[in-house]
Amino acid sequence: MNNQDARAPQATHNLPVTDSESKLLELLRTNPLLARQISSLVGRFGEEVAGGLDANQAEEMAIEEVGQLGKTIIQQWAENTHQEEVAKVKLGDSLLTNNGKKNSDGTPASDKSR
């Protein structure tokens, strides 16, 4: 995280934070890939519009960016799920734990041993 990301945002208004804004902030904090993608998208879109982007170009850009956002959501979900599963395995909460030695050596039983 760079210094710009670490400093507190400056208030641009005196409105209270709503529950939905608070939930969004929590989601963005737990999904850093998504947070970066959204920040980049909003910044780039603002720059393009200021540079003279017309309505058709803006629509095309928005459609493309929403597709990329979807891919980022899936990637972030996969990473979060992987981390959760690794944590479960480390804690022993997984079915992946070894429950003891195998009783068979893999050789089929003969008629005499049955």
N, C-alpha and C. Protein backbone atom coordinates (compact mmCIF):
# COMPACT_ATOMS: atom_id res chain seq x y z
N MET A 1 0.85 -1.17 0.00
CA MET A 1 0.00 0.00 0.00
C MET A 1 0.90 1.23 0.00
N ASN A 2 0.64 2.17 -0.90
CA ASN A 2 1.48 3.36 -0.92
C ASN A 2 0.94 4.39 0.05
N ASN A 3 1.69 5.47 0.25
CA ASN A 3 1.30 6.49 1.22
C ASN A 3 -0.02 7.14 0.88
N GLN A 4 -0.29 7.30 -0.41
CA GLN A 4 -1.54 7.93 -0.82
C GLN A 4 -2.74 7.07 -0.42
N ASP A 5 -2.60 5.74 -0.54
CA ASP A 5 -3.68 4.84 -0.16
C ASP A 5 -3.89 4.81 1.35
N ALA A 6 -2.81 5.00 2.12
CA ALA A 6 -2.87 4.85 3.57
C ALA A 6 -3.48 6.05 4.28
N ARG A 7 -3.43 7.20 3.68
CA ARG A 7 -3.96 8.36 4.39
C ARG A 7 -5.49 8.39 4.32
N ALA A 8 -6.08 9.02 5.31
CA ALA A 8 -7.54 9.07 5.40
C ALA A 8 -8.10 9.97 4.31
N PRO A 9 -9.24 9.59 3.75
CA PRO A 9 -9.84 10.44 2.73
C PRO A 9 -10.31 11.76 3.34
N GLN A 10 -10.21 12.80 2.57
CA GLN A 10 -10.65 14.10 3.05
C GLN A 10 -12.14 14.24 2.80
N ALA A 11 -12.84 14.75 3.80
CA ALA A 11 -14.28 14.92 3.68
C ALA A 11 -14.60 16.01 2.67
N THR A 12 -15.49 15.69 1.76
CA THR A 12 -15.92 16.68 0.78
C THR A 12 -17.31 17.21 1.12
N HIS A 13 -17.91 16.63 2.12
CA HIS A 13 -19.24 17.03 2.59
C HIS A 13 -19.41 16.57 4.02
N ASN A 14 -20.48 16.99 4.64
CA ASN A 14 -20.72 16.63 6.03
C ASN A 14 -21.86 15.64 6.19
N LEU A 15 -22.12 14.84 5.17
CA LEU A 15 -23.19 13.86 5.24
C LEU A 15 -22.74 12.63 6.02
N PRO A 16 -23.62 12.05 6.81
CA PRO A 16 -23.25 10.84 7.55
C PRO A 16 -23.09 9.66 6.58
N VAL A 17 -22.29 8.69 6.97
CA VAL A 17 -22.10 7.48 6.18
C VAL A 17 -23.32 6.58 6.37
N THR A 18 -23.90 6.14 5.27
CA THR A 18 -25.08 5.27 5.34
C THR A 18 -24.66 3.83 5.58
N ASP A 19 -25.62 3.00 5.94
CA ASP A 19 -25.35 1.57 6.13
C ASP A 19 -24.83 0.94 4.84
N SER A 20 -25.44 1.29 3.71
CA SER A 20 -25.00 0.70 2.44
C SER A 20 -23.58 1.14 2.09
N GLU A 21 -23.22 2.38 2.40
CA GLU A 21 -21.85 2.85 2.16
C GLU A 21 -20.87 2.11 3.06
N SER A 22 -21.27 1.89 4.28
CA SER A 22 -20.42 1.17 5.23
C SER A 22 -20.20 -0.27 4.77
N LYS A 23 -21.27 -0.92 4.29
CA LYS A 23 -21.17 -2.29 3.79
C LYS A 23 -20.28 -2.35 2.55
N LEU A 24 -20.42 -1.36 1.67
CA LEU A 24 -19.59 -1.30 0.47
C LEU A 24 -18.13 -1.15 0.84
N LEU A 25 -17.83 -0.29 1.79
CA LEU A 25 -16.45 -0.10 2.24
C LEU A 25 -15.88 -1.40 2.79
N GLU A 26 -16.65 -2.12 3.57
CA GLU A 26 -16.19 -3.40 4.12
C GLU A 26 -15.93 -4.41 3.00
N LEU A 27 -16.81 -4.46 2.02
CA LEU A 27 -16.61 -5.37 0.88
C LEU A 27 -15.34 -5.02 0.11
N LEU A 28 -15.11 -3.74 -0.10
CA LEU A 28 -13.93 -3.31 -0.83
C LEU A 28 -12.65 -3.61 -0.05
N ARG A 29 -12.72 -3.49 1.26
CA ARG A 29 -11.55 -3.79 2.10
C ARG A 29 -11.21 -5.27 2.07
N THR A 30 -12.21 -6.12 1.97
CA THR A 30 -11.97 -7.56 1.95
C THR A 30 -11.77 -8.11 0.54
N ASN A 31 -11.90 -7.25 -0.46
CA ASN A 31 -11.72 -7.64 -1.86
C ASN A 31 -10.84 -6.62 -2.57
N PRO A 32 -9.54 -6.62 -2.28
CA PRO A 32 -8.66 -5.59 -2.81
C PRO A 32 -8.56 -5.55 -4.34
N LEU A 33 -8.66 -6.69 -5.00
CA LEU A 33 -8.62 -6.68 -6.47
C LEU A 33 -9.80 -5.90 -7.01
N LEU A 34 -10.95 -6.13 -6.44
CA LEU A 34 -12.16 -5.45 -6.85
C LEU A 34 -12.07 -3.95 -6.57
N ALA A 35 -11.53 -3.59 -5.41
CA ALA A 35 -11.38 -2.18 -5.05
C ALA A 35 -10.49 -1.46 -6.05
N ARG A 36 -9.36 -2.09 -6.42
CA ARG A 36 -8.46 -1.46 -7.40
C ARG A 36 -9.13 -1.31 -8.75
N GLN A 37 -9.88 -2.34 -9.16
CA GLN A 37 -10.54 -2.31 -10.47
C GLN A 37 -11.59 -1.20 -10.51
N ILE A 38 -12.39 -1.08 -9.47
CA ILE A 38 -13.42 -0.04 -9.44
C ILE A 38 -12.79 1.34 -9.42
N SER A 39 -11.77 1.53 -8.62
CA SER A 39 -11.09 2.81 -8.54
C SER A 39 -10.51 3.20 -9.90
N SER A 40 -9.88 2.25 -10.54
CA SER A 40 -9.30 2.48 -11.87
C SER A 40 -10.38 2.82 -12.89
N LEU A 41 -11.46 2.06 -12.86
CA LEU A 41 -12.56 2.27 -13.79
C LEU A 41 -13.15 3.67 -13.66
N VAL A 42 -13.44 4.08 -12.44
CA VAL A 42 -14.06 5.40 -12.22
C VAL A 42 -13.10 6.51 -12.63
N GLY A 43 -11.83 6.37 -12.27
CA GLY A 43 -10.84 7.38 -12.65
C GLY A 43 -10.66 7.49 -14.14
N ARG A 44 -10.51 6.33 -14.80
CA ARG A 44 -10.32 6.32 -16.25
C ARG A 44 -11.55 6.85 -16.98
N PHE A 45 -12.73 6.49 -16.50
CA PHE A 45 -13.96 6.95 -17.14
C PHE A 45 -14.06 8.47 -17.03
N GLY A 46 -13.75 9.00 -15.85
CA GLY A 46 -13.77 10.45 -15.67
C GLY A 46 -12.80 11.16 -16.60
N GLU A 47 -11.61 10.60 -16.75
CA GLU A 47 -10.61 11.19 -17.65
C GLU A 47 -11.08 11.14 -19.10
N GLU A 48 -11.66 10.03 -19.51
CA GLU A 48 -12.13 9.88 -20.90
C GLU A 48 -13.27 10.84 -21.21
N VAL A 49 -14.19 10.98 -20.27
CA VAL A 49 -15.31 11.91 -20.48
C VAL A 49 -14.78 13.34 -20.56
N ALA A 50 -13.84 13.68 -19.67
CA ALA A 50 -13.25 15.03 -19.71
C ALA A 50 -12.50 15.25 -21.01
N GLY A 51 -11.99 14.19 -21.61
CA GLY A 51 -11.26 14.28 -22.87
C GLY A 51 -12.15 14.28 -24.09
N GLY A 52 -13.45 14.28 -23.92
CA GLY A 52 -14.36 14.38 -25.06
C GLY A 52 -15.01 13.09 -25.50
N LEU A 53 -15.05 12.09 -24.66
CA LEU A 53 -15.70 10.82 -24.99
C LEU A 53 -17.17 11.08 -25.29
N ASP A 54 -17.66 10.56 -26.43
CA ASP A 54 -19.08 10.76 -26.75
C ASP A 54 -19.91 9.64 -26.11
N ALA A 55 -21.23 9.74 -26.21
CA ALA A 55 -22.14 8.80 -25.53
C ALA A 55 -21.93 7.37 -26.00
N ASN A 56 -21.76 7.14 -27.30
CA ASN A 56 -21.56 5.79 -27.81
C ASN A 56 -20.25 5.19 -27.30
N GLN A 57 -19.20 5.98 -27.31
CA GLN A 57 -17.92 5.51 -26.81
C GLN A 57 -18.00 5.23 -25.30
N ALA A 58 -18.71 6.08 -24.59
CA ALA A 58 -18.87 5.89 -23.15
C ALA A 58 -19.61 4.58 -22.86
N GLU A 59 -20.64 4.30 -23.66
CA GLU A 59 -21.40 3.07 -23.48
C GLU A 59 -20.52 1.85 -23.76
N GLU A 60 -19.76 1.89 -24.85
CA GLU A 60 -18.86 0.78 -25.19
C GLU A 60 -17.83 0.55 -24.09
N MET A 61 -17.28 1.64 -23.59
CA MET A 61 -16.29 1.54 -22.53
C MET A 61 -16.91 0.94 -21.27
N ALA A 62 -18.11 1.38 -20.93
CA ALA A 62 -18.79 0.88 -19.74
C ALA A 62 -19.08 -0.61 -19.86
N ILE A 63 -19.53 -1.05 -21.03
CA ILE A 63 -19.83 -2.47 -21.24
C ILE A 63 -18.56 -3.31 -21.10
N GLU A 64 -17.47 -2.86 -21.71
CA GLU A 64 -16.20 -3.57 -21.62
C GLU A 64 -15.71 -3.63 -20.17
N GLU A 65 -15.81 -2.51 -19.48
CA GLU A 65 -15.32 -2.45 -18.10
C GLU A 65 -16.15 -3.30 -17.16
N VAL A 66 -17.45 -3.38 -17.38
CA VAL A 66 -18.31 -4.22 -16.54
C VAL A 66 -17.94 -5.69 -16.75
N GLY A 67 -17.62 -6.07 -17.98
CA GLY A 67 -17.15 -7.43 -18.25
C GLY A 67 -15.87 -7.74 -17.48
N GLN A 68 -14.93 -6.79 -17.51
CA GLN A 68 -13.69 -6.96 -16.77
C GLN A 68 -13.95 -7.02 -15.26
N LEU A 69 -14.88 -6.21 -14.81
CA LEU A 69 -15.25 -6.20 -13.39
C LEU A 69 -15.80 -7.56 -12.97
N GLY A 70 -16.61 -8.17 -13.82
CA GLY A 70 -17.13 -9.51 -13.55
C GLY A 70 -16.02 -10.53 -13.40
N LYS A 71 -15.03 -10.47 -14.29
CA LYS A 71 -13.89 -11.37 -14.21
C LYS A 71 -13.12 -11.15 -12.90
N THR A 72 -12.98 -9.90 -12.51
CA THR A 72 -12.27 -9.58 -11.27
C THR A 72 -13.03 -10.12 -10.07
N ILE A 73 -14.35 -10.00 -10.08
CA ILE A 73 -15.16 -10.53 -8.98
C ILE A 73 -14.95 -12.03 -8.84
N ILE A 74 -14.96 -12.76 -9.95
CA ILE A 74 -14.75 -14.20 -9.91
C ILE A 74 -13.34 -14.54 -9.42
N GLN A 75 -12.34 -13.80 -9.90
CA GLN A 75 -10.97 -14.03 -9.47
C GLN A 75 -10.82 -13.78 -7.97
N GLN A 76 -11.42 -12.69 -7.48
CA GLN A 76 -11.33 -12.38 -6.06
C GLN A 76 -12.04 -13.44 -5.23
N TRP A 77 -13.19 -13.89 -5.69
CA TRP A 77 -13.93 -14.95 -5.00
C TRP A 77 -13.08 -16.21 -4.91
N ALA A 78 -12.44 -16.58 -6.02
CA ALA A 78 -11.61 -17.78 -6.04
C ALA A 78 -10.44 -17.65 -5.06
N GLU A 79 -9.80 -16.50 -5.04
CA GLU A 79 -8.68 -16.29 -4.12
C GLU A 79 -9.14 -16.35 -2.67
N ASN A 80 -10.26 -15.69 -2.37
CA ASN A 80 -10.79 -15.71 -1.00
C ASN A 80 -11.17 -17.12 -0.58
N THR A 81 -11.80 -17.87 -1.47
CA THR A 81 -12.21 -19.24 -1.18
C THR A 81 -10.99 -20.12 -0.94
N HIS A 82 -9.98 -19.95 -1.77
CA HIS A 82 -8.75 -20.72 -1.60
C HIS A 82 -8.11 -20.43 -0.24
N GLN A 83 -8.03 -19.16 0.12
CA GLN A 83 -7.44 -18.80 1.41
C GLN A 83 -8.23 -19.38 2.57
N GLU A 84 -9.56 -19.38 2.46
CA GLU A 84 -10.40 -19.95 3.51
C GLU A 84 -10.17 -21.46 3.64
N GLU A 85 -10.06 -22.14 2.50
CA GLU A 85 -9.83 -23.59 2.52
C GLU A 85 -8.46 -23.93 3.09
N VAL A 86 -7.45 -23.15 2.73
CA VAL A 86 -6.11 -23.37 3.28
C VAL A 86 -6.14 -23.19 4.79
N ALA A 87 -6.85 -22.17 5.26
CA ALA A 87 -6.95 -21.93 6.70
C ALA A 87 -7.65 -23.10 7.40
N LYS A 88 -8.70 -23.64 6.78
CA LYS A 88 -9.40 -24.79 7.36
C LYS A 88 -8.48 -26.00 7.48
N VAL A 89 -7.70 -26.23 6.43
CA VAL A 89 -6.79 -27.37 6.45
C VAL A 89 -5.75 -27.19 7.55
N LYS A 90 -5.24 -25.99 7.68
CA LYS A 90 -4.24 -25.72 8.71
C LYS A 90 -4.82 -25.91 10.11
N LEU A 91 -6.10 -25.64 10.28
CA LEU A 91 -6.74 -25.80 11.58
C LEU A 91 -7.24 -27.22 11.82
N GLY A 92 -7.18 -28.05 10.79
CA GLY A 92 -7.64 -29.43 10.93
C GLY A 92 -9.13 -29.57 10.78
N ASP A 93 -9.82 -28.57 10.25
CA ASP A 93 -11.26 -28.63 10.07
C ASP A 93 -11.65 -29.23 8.73
N SER A 94 -10.76 -29.91 8.10
CA SER A 94 -11.03 -30.41 6.76
C SER A 94 -11.15 -31.93 6.75
N LEU A 95 -11.82 -32.43 5.77
CA LEU A 95 -11.90 -33.88 5.60
C LEU A 95 -10.61 -34.42 4.99
N LEU A 96 -9.67 -33.54 4.71
CA LEU A 96 -8.41 -33.93 4.10
C LEU A 96 -7.43 -34.51 5.11
N THR A 97 -7.79 -34.54 6.39
CA THR A 97 -6.86 -35.05 7.39
C THR A 97 -6.77 -36.57 7.29
N ASN A 98 -5.62 -37.11 7.61
CA ASN A 98 -5.37 -38.54 7.57
C ASN A 98 -5.95 -39.19 8.83
N ASN A 99 -6.79 -40.18 8.66
CA ASN A 99 -7.45 -40.81 9.81
C ASN A 99 -6.77 -42.09 10.26
N GLY A 100 -5.59 -42.37 9.84
CA GLY A 100 -4.89 -43.57 10.30
C GLY A 100 -4.34 -44.37 9.15
N LYS A 101 -3.66 -45.45 9.51
CA LYS A 101 -3.02 -46.31 8.54
C LYS A 101 -4.05 -47.17 7.82
N LYS A 102 -3.81 -47.37 6.55
CA LYS A 102 -4.66 -48.23 5.74
C LYS A 102 -4.49 -49.66 6.23
N ASN A 103 -5.57 -50.41 6.37
CA ASN A 103 -5.51 -51.76 6.91
C ASN A 103 -5.14 -52.81 5.86
N SER A 104 -5.23 -52.49 4.61
CA SER A 104 -4.96 -53.44 3.56
C SER A 104 -3.66 -53.10 2.86
N ASP A 105 -2.96 -54.14 2.40
CA ASP A 105 -1.75 -53.88 1.63
C ASP A 105 -2.06 -53.81 0.14
N GLY A 106 -3.32 -53.95 -0.23
CA GLY A 106 -3.74 -53.84 -1.61
C GLY A 106 -3.80 -55.17 -2.33
N THR A 107 -3.43 -56.26 -1.68
CA THR A 107 -3.46 -57.59 -2.28
C THR A 107 -4.82 -58.21 -1.99
N PRO A 108 -5.47 -58.75 -3.02
CA PRO A 108 -6.78 -59.39 -2.78
C PRO A 108 -6.64 -60.58 -1.83
N ALA A 109 -7.65 -60.78 -1.00
CA ALA A 109 -7.63 -61.89 -0.03
C ALA A 109 -7.74 -63.22 -0.77
N SER A 110 -7.02 -64.23 -0.28
CA SER A 110 -7.12 -65.57 -0.87
C SER A 110 -8.28 -66.30 -0.22
N ASP A 111 -8.65 -67.43 -0.79
CA ASP A 111 -9.76 -68.22 -0.23
C ASP A 111 -9.44 -68.69 1.18
N LYS A 112 -8.17 -69.00 1.48
CA LYS A 112 -7.78 -69.50 2.80
C LYS A 112 -7.90 -68.43 3.89
N SER A 113 -7.65 -67.18 3.53
CA SER A 113 -7.65 -66.15 4.55
C SER A 113 -9.05 -65.58 4.82
N ARG A 114 -10.03 -66.03 4.07
CA ARG A 114 -11.39 -65.52 4.26
C ARG A 114 -12.07 -66.23 5.35
